[in-house]
Amino acid sequence: MTNLLIPTDCSVNSVKNVEQVVKSLGGRKVNIVLFHAFNLPTSSLDLITGAHKHPYNEVMNENFRQACKQLKDRYPQNIQRINFKYMLGDTLGLFRNFADANDIDMIYVPEAYNYTKIHERSINPLSFFNKCGIPFYKLPVFETITREVVEETRETELSYEAQPELATISIGK
């Protein structure tokens, strides 16, 4: 099973990017992690009173959820699981831990990807992607590269017991 991380701005258009990836995998089953990063709160009042809300609560919307569910329903043979996961923090070490905890095999960023700040605490994840050491693709010839990496991943897959994930919102079953 290949675990793909794809950045999202929680819009229906970002789900179309996921469909491109699924089509290029040639029948391979994948778990898809739609990802967004947020800075931690900086206001001492927010930290003390707990007045801050998790930013994902403000950016998730029903249209996005439905688009993800429809995509999963359209490609049940390819998509085993699709989740929205977020990261609170802005360090490379934190992102590496996030990627390790979620067994991310590849990061795919659409060729025409433009970071969209969807919340006041949103941060651009591209700097993490460039430095984390995980295969990162932002190329128009994604299909060929993906098949090569998927074959390598297939050969090295190990079974493991799933660990509970704290920052996971399941989208469709």
Protein backbone atom coordinates (compact mmCIF):
# COMPACT_ATOMS: atom_id res chain seq x y z
CA MET A 1 0.00 0.00 0.00
CA THR A 2 1.39 3.38 -1.00
CA ASN A 3 0.70 6.37 1.22
CA LEU A 4 0.53 9.64 -0.71
CA LEU A 5 0.60 13.09 0.84
CA ILE A 6 -1.03 15.87 -1.19
CA PRO A 7 -1.34 19.47 0.07
CA THR A 8 -4.85 20.86 0.12
CA ASP A 9 -6.61 24.15 0.65
CA CYS A 10 -9.82 22.27 1.52
CA SER A 11 -11.46 23.29 -1.75
CA VAL A 12 -13.26 21.10 -4.25
CA ASN A 13 -10.60 22.03 -6.84
CA SER A 14 -7.87 20.48 -4.70
CA VAL A 15 -9.75 17.16 -4.85
CA LYS A 16 -9.45 17.27 -8.66
CA ASN A 17 -5.66 17.13 -8.20
CA VAL A 18 -6.10 13.92 -6.24
CA GLU A 19 -8.06 12.41 -9.11
CA GLN A 20 -5.11 13.10 -11.46
CA VAL A 21 -2.84 11.15 -9.14
CA VAL A 22 -5.25 8.23 -8.81
CA LYS A 23 -5.61 7.95 -12.59
CA SER A 24 -1.84 7.84 -13.02
CA LEU A 25 -1.34 4.93 -10.62
CA GLY A 26 -2.64 2.27 -12.98
CA GLY A 27 -4.81 0.33 -10.55
CA ARG A 28 -2.51 0.59 -7.52
CA LYS A 29 -4.28 0.86 -4.15
CA VAL A 30 -3.32 3.93 -2.15
CA ASN A 31 -4.04 5.74 1.06
CA ILE A 32 -4.30 9.47 0.47
CA VAL A 33 -3.44 12.07 3.07
CA LEU A 34 -4.72 15.54 2.19
CA PHE A 35 -2.43 17.82 4.18
CA HIS A 36 -2.43 21.37 5.52
CA ALA A 37 -0.02 22.97 8.01
CA PHE A 38 -0.85 25.59 10.64
CA ASN A 39 1.31 27.65 12.98
CA LEU A 40 0.79 27.26 16.69
CA PRO A 41 -1.14 30.07 18.42
CA THR A 42 1.13 32.90 19.49
CA SER A 43 -1.18 34.93 21.68
CA SER A 44 -0.57 34.25 25.35
CA LEU A 45 -4.25 34.94 26.01
CA ASP A 46 -5.22 32.18 23.57
CA LEU A 47 -2.78 29.78 25.19
CA ILE A 48 -3.89 30.53 28.76
CA THR A 49 -7.64 30.67 28.21
CA GLY A 50 -7.81 28.00 25.55
CA ALA A 51 -9.90 30.45 23.54
CA HIS A 52 -8.21 29.37 20.33
CA LYS A 53 -10.04 26.82 18.26
CA HIS A 54 -8.34 24.26 16.13
CA PRO A 55 -7.94 25.97 12.78
CA TYR A 56 -9.10 22.89 10.85
CA ASN A 57 -12.57 23.39 12.32
CA GLU A 58 -12.75 26.71 10.53
CA VAL A 59 -11.50 25.52 7.13
CA MET A 60 -13.26 22.19 6.70
CA ASN A 61 -16.50 22.44 4.78
CA GLU A 62 -19.19 20.08 3.61
CA ASN A 63 -18.45 20.59 -0.10
CA PHE A 64 -14.85 19.43 0.44
CA ARG A 65 -15.98 16.41 2.45
CA GLN A 66 -18.51 15.45 -0.20
CA ALA A 67 -15.96 15.84 -3.03
CA CYS A 68 -13.58 13.50 -1.16
CA LYS A 69 -16.32 10.97 -0.55
CA GLN A 70 -17.38 11.08 -4.22
CA LEU A 71 -13.77 10.56 -5.31
CA LYS A 72 -13.43 7.54 -3.03
CA ASP A 73 -16.74 6.18 -4.33
CA ARG A 74 -15.62 6.74 -7.95
CA TYR A 75 -12.30 4.88 -7.45
CA PRO A 76 -12.96 2.21 -4.79
CA GLN A 77 -10.44 -0.13 -6.43
CA ASN A 78 -7.69 2.49 -6.07
CA ILE A 79 -8.41 4.48 -2.92
CA GLN A 80 -8.44 2.47 0.25
CA ARG A 81 -8.55 5.50 2.53
CA ILE A 82 -8.63 9.26 2.10
CA ASN A 83 -8.09 11.54 5.10
CA PHE A 84 -7.52 15.17 5.84
CA LYS A 85 -4.63 15.58 8.28
CA TYR A 86 -3.12 18.72 9.60
CA MET A 87 0.05 19.64 11.40
CA LEU A 88 0.35 22.27 14.11
CA GLY A 89 3.87 23.69 13.97
CA ASP A 90 6.43 24.97 11.53
CA THR A 91 9.62 22.96 11.90
CA LEU A 92 11.17 20.43 9.56
CA GLY A 93 11.68 17.99 12.44
CA LEU A 94 7.99 18.10 13.27
CA PHE A 95 7.10 17.46 9.63
CA ARG A 96 9.52 14.50 9.46
CA ASN A 97 7.85 13.04 12.56
CA PHE A 98 4.44 13.63 10.99
CA ALA A 99 5.53 11.89 7.78
CA ASP A 100 7.04 8.97 9.70
CA ALA A 101 3.93 8.56 11.86
CA ASN A 102 1.77 8.45 8.74
CA ASP A 103 4.15 6.24 6.71
CA ILE A 104 4.23 8.72 3.84
CA ASP A 105 5.88 7.14 0.78
CA MET A 106 5.50 10.00 -1.70
CA ILE A 107 4.51 13.64 -1.75
CA TYR A 108 2.72 14.89 -4.82
CA VAL A 109 2.25 18.59 -5.51
CA PRO A 110 0.38 19.47 -8.70
CA GLU A 111 2.50 21.23 -11.30
CA ALA A 112 0.31 24.32 -11.15
CA TYR A 113 0.12 24.31 -7.33
CA ASN A 114 -0.17 27.75 -5.79
CA TYR A 115 -0.15 27.89 -2.02
CA THR A 116 -3.39 29.38 -0.71
CA LYS A 117 -3.52 30.74 2.80
CA ILE A 118 -6.91 29.53 4.01
CA HIS A 119 -6.53 30.57 7.65
CA GLU A 120 -4.55 33.26 9.45
CA ARG A 121 -2.31 30.51 10.87
CA SER A 122 -1.84 28.59 7.57
CA ILE A 123 1.75 28.00 6.48
CA ASN A 124 3.21 27.03 3.14
CA PRO A 125 4.36 23.37 3.32
CA LEU A 126 6.66 23.46 0.26
CA SER A 127 9.76 24.17 2.33
CA PHE A 128 9.09 20.97 4.33
CA PHE A 129 8.54 18.94 1.19
CA ASN A 130 11.78 20.09 -0.41
CA LYS A 131 13.91 19.18 2.61
CA CYS A 132 12.28 16.13 4.22
CA GLY A 133 13.92 13.39 2.14
CA ILE A 134 10.65 11.83 0.95
CA PRO A 135 10.22 11.50 -2.83
CA PHE A 136 8.59 14.78 -3.81
CA TYR A 137 7.10 15.32 -7.24
CA LYS A 138 6.02 18.56 -8.84
CA LEU A 139 6.38 17.50 -12.42
CA PRO A 140 4.14 17.23 -15.47
CA VAL A 141 5.47 13.71 -16.14
CA PHE A 142 4.20 12.41 -12.82
CA GLU A 143 2.78 9.16 -14.22
CA THR A 144 6.11 7.57 -15.18
CA ILE A 145 7.87 8.58 -11.98
CA THR A 146 4.97 7.42 -9.82
CA ARG A 147 4.97 3.95 -11.36
CA GLU A 148 8.70 3.57 -10.69
CA VAL A 149 8.37 4.62 -7.04
CA VAL A 150 5.26 2.49 -6.56
CA GLU A 151 7.15 -0.57 -7.81
CA GLU A 152 10.00 0.17 -5.39
CA THR A 153 7.53 0.66 -2.56
CA ARG A 154 5.75 -2.59 -3.42
CA GLU A 155 9.01 -4.47 -3.02
CA THR A 156 9.84 -2.94 0.36
CA GLU A 157 6.43 -2.92 2.02
CA LEU A 158 6.31 -4.39 5.47
CA SER A 159 3.18 -5.18 7.40
CA TYR A 160 2.62 -3.17 10.54
CA GLU A 161 -0.11 -2.57 13.04
CA ALA A 162 -1.79 0.79 12.62
CA GLN A 163 -1.11 3.25 15.39
CA PRO A 164 -3.83 5.60 16.62
CA GLU A 165 -3.59 8.93 14.86
CA LEU A 166 -4.37 12.07 16.81
CA ALA A 167 -4.80 14.60 14.02
CA THR A 168 -7.00 12.62 11.66
CA ILE A 169 -10.40 13.41 10.32
CA SER A 170 -11.79 10.50 8.34
CA ILE A 171 -13.53 11.47 5.13
CA GLY A 172 -15.97 8.90 3.81
CA LYS A 173 -15.77 5.21 4.42
